[in-house]
Amino acid sequence: MKNQNKGTEHSRQKTIIIFFLYLGTLIIMFLGVFFGTYSILNNIKLQVLNASIPGIIFGLLVTYLGLRYFFMVTEFKNDFYESTSKFSWGNFRKEKRKSRLV
């Protein structure tokens, strides 16, 4: 009985993690579309290296990145739901390496 509850707890945690990753990508895409629309309506241009770039270009770039991250999360989800996979914040920490003088 304890093993069954533990399996559903891990799957619930994994589902929540994937949900927040998808939510983050959707927010990025929304912000890109919003900025692109806002820049078209208000004729916003940004100065980049002495060139005037329309704001819609930056909005499209942000939307593209959000869409790219969406597909990356979809690929990640398939591997993450395997029973052997576990999420750990320790994976994001830098390892301290000892340098040896020879």
N, C-alpha and C. Protein backbone atom coordinates (compact mmCIF):
# COMPACT_ATOMS: atom_id res chain seq x y z
N MET A 1 0.82 -1.20 0.00
CA MET A 1 0.00 0.00 0.00
C MET A 1 0.86 1.26 0.00
N LYS A 2 1.93 1.26 0.76
CA LYS A 2 2.76 2.46 0.82
C LYS A 2 3.42 2.74 -0.52
N ASN A 3 3.81 1.71 -1.25
CA ASN A 3 4.45 1.90 -2.55
C ASN A 3 3.51 2.54 -3.56
N GLN A 4 2.22 2.19 -3.50
CA GLN A 4 1.26 2.76 -4.44
C GLN A 4 1.08 4.25 -4.17
N ASN A 5 0.98 4.64 -2.92
CA ASN A 5 0.83 6.06 -2.59
C ASN A 5 2.07 6.85 -2.98
N LYS A 6 3.22 6.25 -2.79
CA LYS A 6 4.46 6.94 -3.12
C LYS A 6 4.57 7.18 -4.62
N GLY A 7 4.13 6.23 -5.45
CA GLY A 7 4.17 6.39 -6.90
C GLY A 7 3.25 7.50 -7.37
N THR A 8 2.07 7.62 -6.79
CA THR A 8 1.16 8.68 -7.20
C THR A 8 1.66 10.03 -6.73
N GLU A 9 2.35 10.06 -5.59
CA GLU A 9 2.90 11.33 -5.11
C GLU A 9 3.98 11.84 -6.06
N HIS A 10 4.85 10.94 -6.52
CA HIS A 10 5.89 11.35 -7.45
C HIS A 10 5.30 11.78 -8.78
N SER A 11 4.30 11.06 -9.25
CA SER A 11 3.71 11.45 -10.53
C SER A 11 2.98 12.78 -10.39
N ARG A 12 2.39 13.04 -9.24
CA ARG A 12 1.72 14.32 -9.01
C ARG A 12 2.74 15.45 -8.98
N GLN A 13 3.88 15.22 -8.34
CA GLN A 13 4.93 16.24 -8.31
C GLN A 13 5.48 16.50 -9.71
N LYS A 14 5.66 15.44 -10.47
CA LYS A 14 6.15 15.60 -11.83
C LYS A 14 5.14 16.35 -12.70
N THR A 15 3.87 16.07 -12.49
CA THR A 15 2.82 16.76 -13.25
C THR A 15 2.81 18.24 -12.93
N ILE A 16 2.99 18.58 -11.66
CA ILE A 16 3.02 19.99 -11.25
C ILE A 16 4.23 20.70 -11.85
N ILE A 17 5.38 20.04 -11.85
CA ILE A 17 6.59 20.63 -12.42
C ILE A 17 6.40 20.90 -13.91
N ILE A 18 5.87 19.91 -14.63
CA ILE A 18 5.64 20.07 -16.07
C ILE A 18 4.62 21.17 -16.33
N PHE A 19 3.58 21.25 -15.47
CA PHE A 19 2.57 22.30 -15.62
C PHE A 19 3.20 23.68 -15.53
N PHE A 20 4.07 23.89 -14.55
CA PHE A 20 4.70 25.20 -14.39
C PHE A 20 5.67 25.51 -15.53
N LEU A 21 6.33 24.49 -16.06
CA LEU A 21 7.20 24.73 -17.21
C LEU A 21 6.38 25.15 -18.43
N TYR A 22 5.25 24.47 -18.66
CA TYR A 22 4.36 24.86 -19.76
C TYR A 22 3.79 26.26 -19.52
N LEU A 23 3.42 26.55 -18.29
CA LEU A 23 2.90 27.87 -17.96
C LEU A 23 3.93 28.96 -18.26
N GLY A 24 5.19 28.70 -17.91
CA GLY A 24 6.25 29.66 -18.21
C GLY A 24 6.42 29.90 -19.70
N THR A 25 6.36 28.83 -20.49
CA THR A 25 6.49 29.01 -21.94
C THR A 25 5.30 29.77 -22.51
N LEU A 26 4.12 29.50 -22.01
CA LEU A 26 2.94 30.22 -22.50
C LEU A 26 2.99 31.70 -22.14
N ILE A 27 3.52 32.01 -20.96
CA ILE A 27 3.66 33.41 -20.56
C ILE A 27 4.66 34.12 -21.47
N ILE A 28 5.77 33.45 -21.79
CA ILE A 28 6.76 34.04 -22.69
C ILE A 28 6.14 34.31 -24.06
N MET A 29 5.38 33.33 -24.58
CA MET A 29 4.74 33.53 -25.89
C MET A 29 3.72 34.67 -25.84
N PHE A 30 2.94 34.73 -24.77
CA PHE A 30 1.94 35.79 -24.64
C PHE A 30 2.60 37.16 -24.60
N LEU A 31 3.69 37.28 -23.85
CA LEU A 31 4.38 38.56 -23.76
C LEU A 31 4.96 38.98 -25.10
N GLY A 32 5.46 38.02 -25.87
CA GLY A 32 5.97 38.33 -27.20
C GLY A 32 4.87 38.83 -28.13
N VAL A 33 3.73 38.15 -28.12
CA VAL A 33 2.60 38.57 -28.95
C VAL A 33 2.07 39.92 -28.49
N PHE A 34 2.00 40.11 -27.18
CA PHE A 34 1.50 41.37 -26.63
C PHE A 34 2.40 42.53 -27.04
N PHE A 35 3.73 42.35 -26.90
CA PHE A 35 4.64 43.44 -27.25
C PHE A 35 4.61 43.72 -28.75
N GLY A 36 4.52 42.67 -29.55
CA GLY A 36 4.44 42.86 -30.99
C GLY A 36 3.19 43.64 -31.39
N THR A 37 2.06 43.28 -30.80
CA THR A 37 0.80 43.99 -31.08
C THR A 37 0.86 45.43 -30.58
N TYR A 38 1.39 45.61 -29.39
CA TYR A 38 1.51 46.94 -28.81
C TYR A 38 2.40 47.84 -29.66
N SER A 39 3.50 47.25 -30.16
CA SER A 39 4.42 48.06 -30.96
C SER A 39 3.83 48.41 -32.32
N ILE A 40 2.98 47.55 -32.88
CA ILE A 40 2.32 47.88 -34.14
C ILE A 40 1.31 49.00 -33.93
N LEU A 41 0.51 48.88 -32.88
CA LEU A 41 -0.54 49.87 -32.62
C LEU A 41 0.03 51.24 -32.28
N ASN A 42 1.18 51.28 -31.61
CA ASN A 42 1.76 52.55 -31.16
C ASN A 42 3.00 52.95 -31.97
N ASN A 43 3.28 52.23 -33.05
CA ASN A 43 4.39 52.54 -33.94
C ASN A 43 5.71 52.69 -33.16
N ILE A 44 6.03 51.66 -32.38
CA ILE A 44 7.24 51.67 -31.56
C ILE A 44 8.42 51.17 -32.38
N LYS A 45 9.51 51.92 -32.31
CA LYS A 45 10.76 51.52 -32.96
C LYS A 45 11.86 51.64 -31.93
N LEU A 46 12.78 50.68 -31.94
CA LEU A 46 13.87 50.65 -30.99
C LEU A 46 15.18 50.90 -31.72
N GLN A 47 16.07 51.65 -31.08
CA GLN A 47 17.36 51.99 -31.67
C GLN A 47 18.36 50.90 -31.31
N VAL A 48 18.91 50.23 -32.33
CA VAL A 48 19.90 49.18 -32.13
C VAL A 48 21.07 49.46 -33.07
N LEU A 49 22.22 49.80 -32.52
CA LEU A 49 23.42 50.08 -33.31
C LEU A 49 23.15 51.06 -34.45
N ASN A 50 22.61 52.19 -34.13
CA ASN A 50 22.29 53.26 -35.08
C ASN A 50 21.30 52.84 -36.17
N ALA A 51 20.51 51.83 -35.88
CA ALA A 51 19.46 51.41 -36.82
C ALA A 51 18.14 51.38 -36.07
N SER A 52 17.11 51.84 -36.72
CA SER A 52 15.78 51.85 -36.11
C SER A 52 15.05 50.55 -36.47
N ILE A 53 14.82 49.71 -35.48
CA ILE A 53 14.19 48.40 -35.67
C ILE A 53 12.75 48.46 -35.15
N PRO A 54 11.78 48.03 -35.95
CA PRO A 54 10.39 48.00 -35.45
C PRO A 54 10.25 47.05 -34.26
N GLY A 55 9.40 47.41 -33.33
CA GLY A 55 9.19 46.60 -32.13
C GLY A 55 8.60 45.24 -32.42
N ILE A 56 7.89 45.11 -33.56
CA ILE A 56 7.29 43.82 -33.90
C ILE A 56 8.37 42.75 -34.08
N ILE A 57 9.55 43.15 -34.52
CA ILE A 57 10.65 42.19 -34.70
C ILE A 57 11.03 41.56 -33.36
N PHE A 58 11.13 42.38 -32.33
CA PHE A 58 11.47 41.86 -31.01
C PHE A 58 10.33 41.02 -30.44
N GLY A 59 9.10 41.45 -30.70
CA GLY A 59 7.95 40.66 -30.28
C GLY A 59 7.94 39.29 -30.93
N LEU A 60 8.27 39.23 -32.21
CA LEU A 60 8.33 37.95 -32.92
C LEU A 60 9.46 37.07 -32.39
N LEU A 61 10.59 37.68 -32.05
CA LEU A 61 11.70 36.90 -31.50
C LEU A 61 11.34 36.28 -30.15
N VAL A 62 10.68 37.05 -29.31
CA VAL A 62 10.27 36.53 -28.00
C VAL A 62 9.23 35.43 -28.17
N THR A 63 8.30 35.62 -29.10
CA THR A 63 7.30 34.59 -29.37
C THR A 63 7.97 33.32 -29.89
N TYR A 64 8.94 33.48 -30.77
CA TYR A 64 9.68 32.33 -31.29
C TYR A 64 10.38 31.57 -30.16
N LEU A 65 11.03 32.30 -29.26
CA LEU A 65 11.70 31.64 -28.14
C LEU A 65 10.71 30.89 -27.26
N GLY A 66 9.55 31.49 -27.01
CA GLY A 66 8.52 30.81 -26.23
C GLY A 66 8.05 29.54 -26.91
N LEU A 67 7.87 29.58 -28.22
CA LEU A 67 7.44 28.41 -28.97
C LEU A 67 8.53 27.33 -28.96
N ARG A 68 9.77 27.77 -29.07
CA ARG A 68 10.89 26.83 -29.02
C ARG A 68 10.97 26.16 -27.66
N TYR A 69 10.81 26.93 -26.58
CA TYR A 69 10.82 26.36 -25.24
C TYR A 69 9.64 25.42 -25.03
N PHE A 70 8.51 25.72 -25.65
CA PHE A 70 7.33 24.85 -25.55
C PHE A 70 7.66 23.46 -26.10
N PHE A 71 8.30 23.41 -27.26
CA PHE A 71 8.67 22.13 -27.84
C PHE A 71 9.76 21.43 -27.03
N MET A 72 10.66 22.20 -26.43
CA MET A 72 11.69 21.61 -25.59
C MET A 72 11.09 20.98 -24.35
N VAL A 73 10.09 21.63 -23.76
CA VAL A 73 9.41 21.06 -22.58
C VAL A 73 8.66 19.80 -22.98
N THR A 74 8.07 19.79 -24.17
CA THR A 74 7.35 18.59 -24.63
C THR A 74 8.31 17.42 -24.76
N GLU A 75 9.49 17.64 -25.30
CA GLU A 75 10.49 16.57 -25.39
C GLU A 75 10.97 16.16 -24.01
N PHE A 76 11.17 17.13 -23.13
CA PHE A 76 11.63 16.86 -21.77
C PHE A 76 10.61 16.05 -21.00
N LYS A 77 9.33 16.33 -21.24
CA LYS A 77 8.26 15.66 -20.50
C LYS A 77 8.31 14.15 -20.71
N ASN A 78 8.58 13.72 -21.93
CA ASN A 78 8.61 12.29 -22.22
C ASN A 78 9.70 11.58 -21.41
N ASP A 79 10.87 12.18 -21.30
CA ASP A 79 11.95 11.57 -20.52
C ASP A 79 11.71 11.71 -19.02
N PHE A 80 11.09 12.79 -18.62
CA PHE A 80 10.91 13.07 -17.20
C PHE A 80 9.88 12.14 -16.56
N TYR A 81 8.90 11.70 -17.33
CA TYR A 81 7.87 10.83 -16.77
C TYR A 81 8.31 9.38 -16.63
N GLU A 82 9.52 9.05 -17.07
CA GLU A 82 10.01 7.70 -16.85
C GLU A 82 10.14 7.46 -15.35
N SER A 83 9.98 6.24 -14.94
CA SER A 83 9.96 5.94 -13.51
C SER A 83 11.31 6.18 -12.83
N THR A 84 12.40 6.12 -13.58
CA THR A 84 13.71 6.29 -12.96
C THR A 84 14.13 7.75 -12.85
N SER A 85 13.44 8.64 -13.50
CA SER A 85 13.81 10.05 -13.50
C SER A 85 13.33 10.73 -12.24
N LYS A 86 14.18 11.59 -11.69
CA LYS A 86 13.82 12.37 -10.50
C LYS A 86 14.30 13.79 -10.70
N PHE A 87 13.55 14.74 -10.18
CA PHE A 87 13.93 16.14 -10.25
C PHE A 87 14.75 16.49 -9.03
N SER A 88 15.84 17.21 -9.24
CA SER A 88 16.67 17.63 -8.13
C SER A 88 17.24 19.00 -8.42
N TRP A 89 17.11 19.90 -7.44
CA TRP A 89 17.68 21.24 -7.62
C TRP A 89 19.19 21.16 -7.63
N GLY A 90 19.75 20.08 -7.09
CA GLY A 90 21.20 19.92 -7.08
C GLY A 90 21.79 19.81 -8.47
N ASN A 91 20.97 19.46 -9.45
CA ASN A 91 21.47 19.38 -10.82
C ASN A 91 21.84 20.74 -11.38
N PHE A 92 21.34 21.80 -10.78
CA PHE A 92 21.60 23.14 -11.28
C PHE A 92 22.74 23.83 -10.55
N ARG A 93 23.30 23.20 -9.54
CA ARG A 93 24.40 23.80 -8.79
C ARG A 93 25.73 23.50 -9.48
N LYS A 94 26.63 24.45 -9.34
CA LYS A 94 27.97 24.24 -9.89
C LYS A 94 28.74 23.33 -8.94
N GLU A 95 29.45 22.40 -9.53
CA GLU A 95 30.26 21.50 -8.73
C GLU A 95 31.57 22.18 -8.39
N LYS A 96 31.99 22.02 -7.17
CA LYS A 96 33.28 22.57 -6.76
C LYS A 96 34.35 21.56 -7.14
N ARG A 97 35.27 22.02 -7.95
CA ARG A 97 36.36 21.14 -8.38
C ARG A 97 37.64 21.59 -7.72
N LYS A 98 38.34 20.63 -7.20
CA LYS A 98 39.63 20.93 -6.57
C LYS A 98 40.70 20.89 -7.64
N SER A 99 41.44 21.95 -7.71
CA SER A 99 42.54 21.96 -8.68
C SER A 99 43.80 21.46 -7.98
N ARG A 100 44.43 20.55 -8.64
CA ARG A 100 45.65 19.98 -8.07
C ARG A 100 46.86 20.53 -8.82
N LEU A 101 47.82 20.93 -8.08
CA LEU A 101 49.07 21.40 -8.68
C LEU A 101 50.00 20.22 -8.82
N VAL A 102 50.51 20.04 -9.98
CA VAL A 102 51.40 18.90 -10.23
C VAL A 102 52.82 19.35 -10.30
